[in-house]
Structure formats: C-alpha cells, structure tokens
Amino acid sequence: MQAVISLLTAHKSWLVLTGAGVSADSGVPTYRDSEGRWQRKQPVTHQEFMAEQSSRQRFWLRNMVGWRFMVDAEPNPAHDALAHLQQLGAVSCLVTQNVDGLHQRAGSQGVIDLHGRIDTASCMGCGLQYSRAALQKWLQEQNPKYAQMAGAIAPDGDADIDDLDYSSMQVPECQGCGGILKPDAVFYGASVPKERILKAEQALHSAAGLLVVGSSLTTYSGYRFCLWAKKQGKPILIFNDGKTRADEMATVKKTGDCATLLQCWLDGLKDTG
C-alpha cells in the first residue's frame, strides 16, 4: 500500500473516474456484484421509455418510490476524501459514472457527470428542464393510490416493484409543449453525449494519470478511459472491491474499501505536505 501512496503523491493532477462502489456506503445499490455480474432486473431502456406509454408508467411508478430514498442519501467518507484531494490539487478532474450528485454535495467542483443526473428532468421535445423534486410532488398528488407504496431500493433512484398493475399511473408531461419528460440521466441503450466524452478525454490529456475508484468498468463508457490512458502512456491505478474489465492493463490494482484507500492517499499527502 505504501508503494501505491508513493506513486499517487509523486504526481499531481490525477483524473479520477468513479463508479457505483463509491456511493455504495451511502446506501445506493449497485447494478453488479464484486465479480462484475449483473444482479438486478434490466431497467427500462431509452428506446422503451420513448416508444411506450406503459414503459413510462412503469418507470415513473418505480422512480416515484425510489426518489424518496435518493433525497435522503448523504455523501460518505469516500466522497469527502475526493473533495479534499481536489482542494489539495491532487485531483485535477473528477469524472463520475454515478447520477446521484453526491460528489457535488460533498464539495467537489467541476465534476463531469458522464451519465448525467437524476435530480433534473427535461422535455424530449422542446428541452425545457424541470426539477425532479417538483415532479415528485406532482407525481404523488396525481397518483394517491400509488404514492404510499414501498419497494426495495434499486440503483439510480429506481425501486423494485414487481407484479403490479400500473396501467392507471399518471406520468408527467411538459407544461410547455406536452412532450415526454425524461430524467437527465443516460438510460441503458442510449449514448453518452459526444461533447461530454470530448471534455473528459481532454481532461485526461492534462492529467498525470488515471485513478479508477469503485467501478467494474464493464460498460465501455468507463473502460474507454483506461484505453485512453494506455494509449497516452500514463499510469492506471484501480481501487475496486472486485474484478474489473481493465485489471490486466492496470499499473496497480488494489482491492478493499474505497474510503479507506482514499483516506490513505489523503493522509500521505498531509505527511509530505
């Protein structure tokens, strides 16, 4: 571990890519287990959401229940450590695959939300943006029989509610044009916006190396960072409690609790400070 900390402290300006493992201690569930295997039912895809009213009803019912939990989720020590590391100049850019906004609430600045956010929603027709909190009030008022339901919390503000008739579920529409409202997160089946990818790639060019924290890198949107770093000849460090898709190309791979590993880095900086 000391060799890892020495490598981290020897260079300033690391790009840090975070995944679901960072928010796990905040109680936000992950899609995959420590072996990278899918452990949940497939969520509604972008194509289903846009094409089918019934898919939107299913999504908004589950999301209405799950949102109550996401509002209460708080940043954990891993989020706090990364915010402090950025303040000290050790982290030049923070890119997250999470959509919960917990990095920003912990104090991190200029975060690139690779997969978007779930605290806002936009009209897919005219682009008008809405607060997700305001939509929650509307959803509960319009759906009193569903409003008090409970379900097992799932990732990204979802909830596991199965075998339920949701045909009478009222879904929000744009007040301006009547268009479809969708949370500002990249759904499965959709692509990360190109300008967001370009911004992240440029940030890696300016960084000393890449540190991946709490991600299995199973999806290409995260794995591509390791391909970029390898092409640029930069060190790749991985902190993850389980296997990742990029283990073989990592300069160093450490398993264990994310917050503990990050705190060791922070302590190492203070010792050399």
C-alpha atoms as a PDB file:
ATOM      1  CA  MET A   1       0.000   0.000   0.000  1.00  0.00           C
ATOM      2  CA  GLN A   2       2.859   2.371   0.749  1.00  0.00           C
ATOM      3  CA  ALA A   3       4.138   1.958  -2.813  1.00  0.00           C
ATOM      4  CA  VAL A   4       0.692   2.909  -4.128  1.00  0.00           C
ATOM      5  CA  ILE A   5       0.552   6.012  -1.963  1.00  0.00           C
ATOM      6  CA  SER A   6       4.063   6.964  -3.029  1.00  0.00           C
ATOM      7  CA  LEU A   7       3.024   6.744  -6.670  1.00  0.00           C
ATOM      8  CA  LEU A   8      -0.085   8.836  -6.062  1.00  0.00           C
ATOM      9  CA  THR A   9       1.747  11.515  -4.077  1.00  0.00           C
ATOM     10  CA  ALA A  10       4.634  11.650  -6.567  1.00  0.00           C
ATOM     11  CA  HIS A  11       2.322  13.104  -9.196  1.00  0.00           C
ATOM     12  CA  LYS A  12      -0.186  15.909  -9.014  1.00  0.00           C
ATOM     13  CA  SER A  13      -3.251  16.281 -11.186  1.00  0.00           C
ATOM     14  CA  TRP A  14      -4.802  12.813 -11.343  1.00  0.00           C
ATOM     15  CA  LEU A  15      -8.021  12.267 -13.245  1.00  0.00           C
ATOM     16  CA  VAL A  16     -10.327  10.209 -11.035  1.00  0.00           C
ATOM     17  CA  LEU A  17     -13.126   8.126 -12.525  1.00  0.00           C
ATOM     18  CA  THR A  18     -15.698   6.908 -10.003  1.00  0.00           C
ATOM     19  CA  GLY A  19     -18.405   4.271 -10.211  1.00  0.00           C
ATOM     20  CA  ALA A  20     -21.198   2.805  -8.131  1.00  0.00           C
ATOM     21  CA  GLY A  21     -18.816   1.430  -5.493  1.00  0.00           C
ATOM     22  CA  VAL A  22     -18.143   4.975  -4.262  1.00  0.00           C
ATOM     23  CA  SER A  23     -21.816   5.554  -3.432  1.00  0.00           C
ATOM     24  CA  ALA A  24     -22.442   2.072  -2.002  1.00  0.00           C
ATOM     25  CA  ASP A  25     -21.663   3.226   1.552  1.00  0.00           C
ATOM     26  CA  SER A  26     -24.320   5.920   1.134  1.00  0.00           C
ATOM     27  CA  GLY A  27     -26.797   3.084   0.714  1.00  0.00           C
ATOM     28  CA  VAL A  28     -27.154   3.473  -3.052  1.00  0.00           C
ATOM     29  CA  PRO A  29     -27.334  -0.055  -4.547  1.00  0.00           C
ATOM     30  CA  THR A  30     -25.065  -1.211  -7.370  1.00  0.00           C
ATOM     31  CA  TYR A  31     -26.042  -2.973 -10.578  1.00  0.00           C
ATOM     32  CA  ARG A  32     -23.279  -5.582 -10.377  1.00  0.00           C
ATOM     33  CA  ASP A  33     -21.652  -7.795  -7.742  1.00  0.00           C
ATOM     34  CA  SER A  34     -17.930  -7.943  -6.915  1.00  0.00           C
ATOM     35  CA  GLU A  35     -17.357 -10.286  -9.859  1.00  0.00           C
ATOM     36  CA  GLY A  36     -18.951  -7.822 -12.277  1.00  0.00           C
ATOM     37  CA  ARG A  37     -22.059  -9.980 -12.730  1.00  0.00           C
ATOM     38  CA  TRP A  38     -25.438  -8.321 -13.243  1.00  0.00           C
ATOM     39  CA  GLN A  39     -27.531  -8.753 -10.079  1.00  0.00           C
ATOM     40  CA  ARG A  40     -30.758  -6.937 -10.946  1.00  0.00           C
ATOM     41  CA  LYS A  41     -33.518  -6.952 -13.498  1.00  0.00           C
ATOM     42  CA  GLN A  42     -32.776  -4.902 -16.587  1.00  0.00           C
ATOM     43  CA  PRO A  43     -34.018  -1.304 -16.163  1.00  0.00           C
ATOM     44  CA  VAL A  44     -36.252   0.417 -18.703  1.00  0.00           C
ATOM     45  CA  THR A  45     -34.189   1.212 -21.787  1.00  0.00           C
ATOM     46  CA  HIS A  46     -34.134   4.557 -23.573  1.00  0.00           C
ATOM     47  CA  GLN A  47     -35.898   3.045 -26.567  1.00  0.00           C
ATOM     48  CA  GLU A  48     -38.692   1.530 -24.444  1.00  0.00           C
ATOM     49  CA  PHE A  49     -39.167   4.747 -22.483  1.00  0.00           C
ATOM     50  CA  MET A  50     -39.535   6.845 -25.625  1.00  0.00           C
ATOM     51  CA  ALA A  51     -41.746   4.407 -27.535  1.00  0.00           C
ATOM     52  CA  GLU A  52     -44.192   3.015 -24.993  1.00  0.00           C
ATOM     53  CA  GLN A  53     -46.566   4.784 -22.604  1.00  0.00           C
ATOM     54  CA  SER A  54     -46.654   1.613 -20.473  1.00  0.00           C
ATOM     55  CA  SER A  55     -42.846   1.723 -20.082  1.00  0.00           C
ATOM     56  CA  ARG A  56     -43.058   5.340 -18.935  1.00  0.00           C
ATOM     57  CA  GLN A  57     -45.772   4.384 -16.443  1.00  0.00           C
ATOM     58  CA  ARG A  58     -43.622   1.559 -15.091  1.00  0.00           C
ATOM     59  CA  PHE A  59     -40.566   3.821 -14.883  1.00  0.00           C
ATOM     60  CA  TRP A  60     -42.267   6.740 -13.122  1.00  0.00           C
ATOM     61  CA  LEU A  61     -44.000   4.489 -10.595  1.00  0.00           C
ATOM     62  CA  ARG A  62     -40.733   2.835  -9.605  1.00  0.00           C
ATOM     63  CA  ASN A  63     -38.888   6.150  -9.684  1.00  0.00           C
ATOM     64  CA  MET A  64     -41.516   7.871  -7.520  1.00  0.00           C
ATOM     65  CA  VAL A  65     -40.924   5.269  -4.815  1.00  0.00           C
ATOM     66  CA  GLY A  66     -37.126   5.214  -5.200  1.00  0.00           C
ATOM     67  CA  TRP A  67     -36.796   9.003  -5.231  1.00  0.00           C
ATOM     68  CA  ARG A  68     -37.743   9.253  -1.559  1.00  0.00           C
ATOM     69  CA  PHE A  69     -34.607   7.346  -0.684  1.00  0.00           C
ATOM     70  CA  MET A  70     -32.313   9.264  -3.052  1.00  0.00           C
ATOM     71  CA  VAL A  71     -33.340  12.543  -1.415  1.00  0.00           C
ATOM     72  CA  ASP A  72     -32.143  11.188   1.932  1.00  0.00           C
ATOM     73  CA  ALA A  73     -28.833   9.701   0.687  1.00  0.00           C
ATOM     74  CA  GLU A  74     -25.800  11.576   2.034  1.00  0.00           C
ATOM     75  CA  PRO A  75     -22.154  11.774   0.873  1.00  0.00           C
ATOM     76  CA  ASN A  76     -19.930   9.225   2.595  1.00  0.00           C
ATOM     77  CA  PRO A  77     -16.214   9.380   3.556  1.00  0.00           C
ATOM     78  CA  ALA A  78     -15.144   8.411   0.018  1.00  0.00           C
ATOM     79  CA  HIS A  79     -16.941  11.443  -1.432  1.00  0.00           C
ATOM     80  CA  ASP A  80     -15.470  13.651   1.300  1.00  0.00           C
ATOM     81  CA  ALA A  81     -11.929  12.372   0.726  1.00  0.00           C
ATOM     82  CA  LEU A  82     -12.118  13.043  -3.013  1.00  0.00           C
ATOM     83  CA  ALA A  83     -13.363  16.582  -2.384  1.00  0.00           C
ATOM     84  CA  HIS A  84     -10.402  17.221  -0.050  1.00  0.00           C
ATOM     85  CA  LEU A  85      -7.950  15.671  -2.537  1.00  0.00           C
ATOM     86  CA  GLN A  86      -9.236  18.024  -5.213  1.00  0.00           C
ATOM     87  CA  GLN A  87      -8.845  21.010  -2.884  1.00  0.00           C
ATOM     88  CA  LEU A  88      -5.198  19.995  -2.336  1.00  0.00           C
ATOM     89  CA  GLY A  89      -4.571  19.793  -6.085  1.00  0.00           C
ATOM     90  CA  ALA A  90      -4.055  16.035  -6.166  1.00  0.00           C
ATOM     91  CA  VAL A  91      -7.186  15.531  -8.268  1.00  0.00           C
ATOM     92  CA  SER A  92      -7.338  17.710 -11.370  1.00  0.00           C
ATOM     93  CA  CYS A  93     -10.635  16.355 -12.678  1.00  0.00           C
ATOM     94  CA  LEU A  94     -13.356  14.146 -11.249  1.00  0.00           C
ATOM     95  CA  VAL A  95     -15.479  12.147 -13.684  1.00  0.00           C
ATOM     96  CA  THR A  96     -18.304  10.021 -12.315  1.00  0.00           C
ATOM     97  CA  GLN A  97     -20.492   7.326 -13.801  1.00  0.00           C
ATOM     98  CA  ASN A  98     -22.934   7.900 -10.929  1.00  0.00           C
ATOM     99  CA  VAL A  99     -26.040  10.041 -11.372  1.00  0.00           C
ATOM    100  CA  ASP A 100     -26.730  10.831  -7.709  1.00  0.00           C
ATOM    101  CA  GLY A 101     -24.939  14.193  -7.396  1.00  0.00           C
ATOM    102  CA  LEU A 102     -23.241  13.124  -4.145  1.00  0.00           C
ATOM    103  CA  HIS A 103     -19.787  14.283  -5.277  1.00  0.00           C
ATOM    104  CA  GLN A 104     -21.081  17.834  -5.710  1.00  0.00           C
ATOM    105  CA  ARG A 105     -22.840  17.725  -2.347  1.00  0.00           C
ATOM    106  CA  ALA A 106     -19.538  16.699  -0.749  1.00  0.00           C
ATOM    107  CA  GLY A 107     -17.867  19.795  -2.223  1.00  0.00           C
ATOM    108  CA  SER A 108     -16.197  18.536  -5.414  1.00  0.00           C
ATOM    109  CA  GLN A 109     -16.025  21.156  -8.155  1.00  0.00           C
ATOM    110  CA  GLY A 110     -16.325  20.866 -11.934  1.00  0.00           C
ATOM    111  CA  VAL A 111     -17.487  17.260 -11.811  1.00  0.00           C
ATOM    112  CA  ILE A 112     -18.144  15.675 -15.203  1.00  0.00           C
ATOM    113  CA  ASP A 113     -21.354  13.665 -14.791  1.00  0.00           C
ATOM    114  CA  LEU A 114     -20.641  11.131 -17.512  1.00  0.00           C
ATOM    115  CA  HIS A 115     -24.074   9.530 -17.331  1.00  0.00           C
ATOM    116  CA  GLY A 116     -25.963  12.692 -16.380  1.00  0.00           C
ATOM    117  CA  ARG A 117     -28.031  13.392 -13.262  1.00  0.00           C
ATOM    118  CA  ILE A 118     -31.368  12.268 -11.844  1.00  0.00           C
ATOM    119  CA  ASP A 119     -32.188  15.443  -9.909  1.00  0.00           C
ATOM    120  CA  THR A 120     -33.454  17.163 -13.066  1.00  0.00           C
ATOM    121  CA  ALA A 121     -35.633  16.081 -15.998  1.00  0.00           C
ATOM    122  CA  SER A 122     -36.042  17.570 -19.457  1.00  0.00           C
ATOM    123  CA  CYS A 123     -38.643  17.612 -22.194  1.00  0.00           C
ATOM    124  CA  MET A 124     -37.522  15.435 -25.095  1.00  0.00           C
ATOM    125  CA  GLY A 125     -39.379  17.769 -27.431  1.00  0.00           C
ATOM    126  CA  CYS A 126     -38.602  21.388 -26.536  1.00  0.00           C
ATOM    127  CA  GLY A 127     -35.784  20.850 -24.000  1.00  0.00           C
ATOM    128  CA  LEU A 128     -37.471  22.657 -21.090  1.00  0.00           C
ATOM    129  CA  GLN A 129     -35.884  21.483 -17.818  1.00  0.00           C
ATOM    130  CA  TYR A 130     -37.696  20.609 -14.594  1.00  0.00           C
ATOM    131  CA  SER A 131     -36.646  19.990 -11.010  1.00  0.00           C
ATOM    132  CA  ARG A 132     -37.064  16.320 -10.109  1.00  0.00           C
ATOM    133  CA  ALA A 133     -38.159  17.362  -6.606  1.00  0.00           C
ATOM    134  CA  ALA A 134     -41.028  19.390  -8.092  1.00  0.00           C
ATOM    135  CA  LEU A 135     -42.034  16.458 -10.266  1.00  0.00           C
ATOM    136  CA  GLN A 136     -42.164  14.255  -7.170  1.00  0.00           C
ATOM    137  CA  LYS A 137     -44.827  16.481  -5.666  1.00  0.00           C
ATOM    138  CA  TRP A 138     -46.866  16.294  -8.880  1.00  0.00           C
ATOM    139  CA  LEU A 139     -46.469  12.514  -9.116  1.00  0.00           C
ATOM    140  CA  GLN A 140     -47.682  11.972  -5.569  1.00  0.00           C
ATOM    141  CA  GLU A 141     -50.639  14.335  -5.943  1.00  0.00           C
ATOM    142  CA  GLN A 142     -51.765  12.748  -9.210  1.00  0.00           C
ATOM    143  CA  ASN A 143     -51.227   9.163  -8.056  1.00  0.00           C
ATOM    144  CA  PRO A 144     -52.549   8.924  -4.481  1.00  0.00           C
ATOM    145  CA  LYS A 145     -53.133   5.170  -4.623  1.00  0.00           C
ATOM    146  CA  TYR A 146     -49.518   4.546  -5.625  1.00  0.00           C
ATOM    147  CA  ALA A 147     -47.920   7.342  -3.593  1.00  0.00           C
ATOM    148  CA  GLN A 148     -47.543   5.418  -0.339  1.00  0.00           C
ATOM    149  CA  MET A 149     -46.161   2.248  -1.867  1.00  0.00           C
ATOM    150  CA  ALA A 150     -42.809   0.935  -0.781  1.00  0.00           C
ATOM    151  CA  GLY A 151     -40.304  -1.252  -2.576  1.00  0.00           C
ATOM    152  CA  ALA A 152     -36.735  -2.444  -2.348  1.00  0.00           C
ATOM    153  CA  ILE A 153     -34.395   0.375  -3.342  1.00  0.00           C
ATOM    154  CA  ALA A 154     -32.615  -0.164  -6.661  1.00  0.00           C
ATOM    155  CA  PRO A 155     -29.834   1.822  -8.385  1.00  0.00           C
ATOM    156  CA  ASP A 156     -30.273   5.327  -9.794  1.00  0.00           C
ATOM    157  CA  GLY A 157     -33.432   6.239  -7.893  1.00  0.00           C
ATOM    158  CA  ASP A 158     -35.290   3.135  -9.019  1.00  0.00           C
ATOM    159  CA  ALA A 159     -37.242   0.731  -6.800  1.00  0.00           C
ATOM    160  CA  ASP A 160     -38.075  -2.956  -7.227  1.00  0.00           C
ATOM    161  CA  ILE A 161     -41.852  -3.173  -7.529  1.00  0.00           C
ATOM    162  CA  ASP A 162     -42.996  -6.241  -9.421  1.00  0.00           C
ATOM    163  CA  ASP A 163     -46.301  -7.850 -10.420  1.00  0.00           C
ATOM    164  CA  LEU A 164     -48.207  -4.600 -10.075  1.00  0.00           C
ATOM    165  CA  ASP A 165     -50.916  -3.133 -12.297  1.00  0.00           C
ATOM    166  CA  TYR A 166     -49.595   0.330 -13.168  1.00  0.00           C
ATOM    167  CA  SER A 167     -51.988   0.973 -16.067  1.00  0.00           C
ATOM    168  CA  SER A 168     -53.634   3.888 -14.241  1.00  0.00           C
ATOM    169  CA  MET A 169     -50.321   5.554 -13.317  1.00  0.00           C
ATOM    170  CA  GLN A 170     -50.295   9.222 -14.373  1.00  0.00           C
ATOM    171  CA  VAL A 171     -46.992  10.333 -15.886  1.00  0.00           C
ATOM    172  CA  PRO A 172     -45.714  13.918 -16.147  1.00  0.00           C
ATOM    173  CA  GLU A 173     -45.695  15.750 -19.463  1.00  0.00           C
ATOM    174  CA  CYS A 174     -44.076  19.013 -20.484  1.00  0.00           C
ATOM    175  CA  GLN A 175     -46.178  22.003 -19.468  1.00  0.00           C
ATOM    176  CA  GLY A 176     -44.857  23.922 -22.448  1.00  0.00           C
ATOM    177  CA  CYS A 177     -45.432  21.536 -25.363  1.00  0.00           C
ATOM    178  CA  GLY A 178     -46.934  18.347 -23.939  1.00  0.00           C
ATOM    179  CA  GLY A 179     -43.782  16.397 -24.764  1.00  0.00           C
ATOM    180  CA  ILE A 180     -42.236  13.427 -22.977  1.00  0.00           C
ATOM    181  CA  LEU A 181     -40.306  14.222 -19.773  1.00  0.00           C
ATOM    182  CA  LYS A 182     -37.255  12.097 -19.021  1.00  0.00           C
ATOM    183  CA  PRO A 183     -34.709  12.362 -16.184  1.00  0.00           C
ATOM    184  CA  ASP A 184     -31.396  13.839 -17.326  1.00  0.00           C
ATOM    185  CA  ALA A 185     -29.574  10.526 -16.962  1.00  0.00           C
ATOM    186  CA  VAL A 186     -28.268   8.356 -19.787  1.00  0.00           C
ATOM    187  CA  PHE A 187     -30.602   5.369 -19.895  1.00  0.00           C
ATOM    188  CA  TYR A 188     -29.454   1.942 -20.996  1.00  0.00           C
ATOM    189  CA  GLY A 189     -29.490   1.765 -24.785  1.00  0.00           C
ATOM    190  CA  ALA A 190     -28.546   5.445 -25.176  1.00  0.00           C
ATOM    191  CA  SER A 191     -25.116   7.005 -25.747  1.00  0.00           C
ATOM    192  CA  VAL A 192     -23.151   9.464 -23.639  1.00  0.00           C
ATOM    193  CA  PRO A 193     -23.256  12.892 -25.369  1.00  0.00           C
ATOM    194  CA  LYS A 194     -20.181  13.401 -27.557  1.00  0.00           C
ATOM    195  CA  GLU A 195     -19.310  16.786 -26.049  1.00  0.00           C
ATOM    196  CA  ARG A 196     -19.188  15.186 -22.589  1.00  0.00           C
ATOM    197  CA  ILE A 197     -16.847  12.455 -23.831  1.00  0.00           C
ATOM    198  CA  LEU A 198     -14.594  15.026 -25.522  1.00  0.00           C
ATOM    199  CA  LYS A 199     -14.398  17.116 -22.352  1.00  0.00           C
ATOM    200  CA  ALA A 200     -13.387  14.056 -20.306  1.00  0.00           C
ATOM    201  CA  GLU A 201     -10.805  12.946 -22.859  1.00  0.00           C
ATOM    202  CA  GLN A 202      -9.243  16.415 -22.894  1.00  0.00           C
ATOM    203  CA  ALA A 203      -9.094  16.359 -19.079  1.00  0.00           C
ATOM    204  CA  LEU A 204      -7.188  13.080 -19.179  1.00  0.00           C
ATOM    205  CA  HIS A 205      -4.664  14.551 -21.630  1.00  0.00           C
ATOM    206  CA  SER A 206      -3.880  17.197 -19.000  1.00  0.00           C
ATOM    207  CA  ALA A 207      -3.684  14.729 -16.097  1.00  0.00           C
ATOM    208  CA  ALA A 208      -0.675  12.867 -14.749  1.00  0.00           C
ATOM    209  CA  GLY A 209      -2.545   9.576 -14.715  1.00  0.00           C
ATOM    210  CA  LEU A 210      -5.853   7.811 -14.243  1.00  0.00           C
ATOM    211  CA  LEU A 211      -7.304   6.529 -10.970  1.00  0.00           C
ATOM    212  CA  VAL A 212     -10.452   4.405 -11.183  1.00  0.00           C
ATOM    213  CA  VAL A 213     -12.421   4.109  -7.928  1.00  0.00           C
ATOM    214  CA  GLY A 214     -15.372   1.798  -7.343  1.00  0.00           C
ATOM    215  CA  SER A 215     -16.105   0.718 -10.912  1.00  0.00           C
ATOM    216  CA  SER A 216     -16.026  -2.680 -12.589  1.00  0.00           C
ATOM    217  CA  LEU A 217     -15.505  -0.854 -15.910  1.00  0.00           C
ATOM    218  CA  THR A 218     -17.835  -3.382 -17.521  1.00  0.00           C
ATOM    219  CA  THR A 219     -19.506  -0.775 -19.704  1.00  0.00           C
ATOM    220  CA  TYR A 220     -17.460   0.808 -22.457  1.00  0.00           C
ATOM    221  CA  SER A 221     -18.214   4.351 -21.254  1.00  0.00           C
ATOM    222  CA  GLY A 222     -15.864   3.781 -18.301  1.00  0.00           C
ATOM    223  CA  TYR A 223     -13.490   1.242 -19.854  1.00  0.00           C
ATOM    224  CA  ARG A 224     -12.565   3.704 -22.617  1.00  0.00           C
ATOM    225  CA  PHE A 225     -10.719   5.841 -20.018  1.00  0.00           C
ATOM    226  CA  CYS A 226      -8.237   3.017 -19.464  1.00  0.00           C
ATOM    227  CA  LEU A 227      -7.781   2.632 -23.225  1.00  0.00           C
ATOM    228  CA  TRP A 228      -7.081   6.361 -23.482  1.00  0.00           C
ATOM    229  CA  ALA A 229      -4.616   6.313 -20.584  1.00  0.00           C
ATOM    230  CA  LYS A 230      -2.799   3.285 -22.005  1.00  0.00           C
ATOM    231  CA  LYS A 231      -2.508   4.966 -25.390  1.00  0.00           C
ATOM    232  CA  GLN A 232      -1.149   8.101 -23.704  1.00  0.00           C
ATOM    233  CA  GLY A 233       1.392   6.042 -21.732  1.00  0.00           C
ATOM    234  CA  LYS A 234       0.009   7.188 -18.380  1.00  0.00           C
ATOM    235  CA  PRO A 235      -0.242   5.132 -15.185  1.00  0.00           C
ATOM    236  CA  ILE A 236      -3.561   3.434 -14.465  1.00  0.00           C
ATOM    237  CA  LEU A 237      -4.463   2.801 -10.819  1.00  0.00           C
ATOM    238  CA  ILE A 238      -7.612   0.905  -9.873  1.00  0.00           C
ATOM    239  CA  PHE A 239      -9.250   0.862  -6.428  1.00  0.00           C
ATOM    240  CA  ASN A 240     -12.179  -1.554  -6.574  1.00  0.00           C
ATOM    241  CA  ASP A 241     -13.612  -4.216  -4.310  1.00  0.00           C
ATOM    242  CA  GLY A 242     -13.766  -6.877  -7.022  1.00  0.00           C
ATOM    243  CA  LYS A 243     -12.737  -7.642 -10.588  1.00  0.00           C
ATOM    244  CA  THR A 244     -12.686  -5.029 -13.332  1.00  0.00           C
ATOM    245  CA  ARG A 245     -12.547  -5.216 -17.090  1.00  0.00           C
ATOM    246  CA  ALA A 246      -9.187  -3.399 -17.081  1.00  0.00           C
ATOM    247  CA  ASP A 247      -7.305  -5.385 -14.407  1.00  0.00           C
ATOM    248  CA  GLU A 248      -4.704  -6.639 -16.900  1.00  0.00           C
ATOM    249  CA  MET A 249      -3.781  -3.154 -18.107  1.00  0.00           C
ATOM    250  CA  ALA A 250      -3.615  -1.573 -14.635  1.00  0.00           C
ATOM    251  CA  THR A 251      -0.282  -0.296 -13.354  1.00  0.00           C
ATOM    252  CA  VAL A 252      -1.570  -1.065  -9.858  1.00  0.00           C
ATOM    253  CA  LYS A 253      -4.811  -2.715  -8.717  1.00  0.00           C
ATOM    254  CA  LYS A 254      -5.920  -2.581  -5.077  1.00  0.00           C
ATOM    255  CA  THR A 255      -8.988  -4.214  -3.583  1.00  0.00           C
ATOM    256  CA  GLY A 256     -10.657  -3.018  -0.426  1.00  0.00           C
ATOM    257  CA  ASP A 257     -12.889  -0.301   0.904  1.00  0.00           C
ATOM    258  CA  CYS A 258     -12.771   2.786  -1.329  1.00  0.00           C
ATOM    259  CA  ALA A 259     -12.982   5.286   1.508  1.00  0.00           C
ATOM    260  CA  THR A 260     -10.099   3.654   3.399  1.00  0.00           C
ATOM    261  CA  LEU A 261      -7.836   3.655   0.339  1.00  0.00           C
ATOM    262  CA  LEU A 262      -8.644   7.278  -0.474  1.00  0.00           C
ATOM    263  CA  GLN A 263      -8.071   8.335   3.126  1.00  0.00           C
ATOM    264  CA  CYS A 264      -4.631   6.703   2.981  1.00  0.00           C
ATOM    265  CA  TRP A 265      -3.841   8.845  -0.055  1.00  0.00           C
ATOM    266  CA  LEU A 266      -5.094  11.952   1.717  1.00  0.00           C
ATOM    267  CA  ASP A 267      -3.037  11.132   4.821  1.00  0.00           C
ATOM    268  CA  GLY A 268       0.019  10.526   2.633  1.00  0.00           C
ATOM    269  CA  LEU A 269      -0.340  13.983   1.111  1.00  0.00           C
ATOM    270  CA  LYS A 270      -0.601  15.575   4.533  1.00  0.00           C
ATOM    271  CA  ASP A 271       2.516  13.719   5.691  1.00  0.00           C
ATOM    272  CA  THR A 272       4.512  15.006   2.727  1.00  0.00           C
ATOM    273  CA  GLY A 273       2.853  18.401   2.848  1.00  0.00           C
END
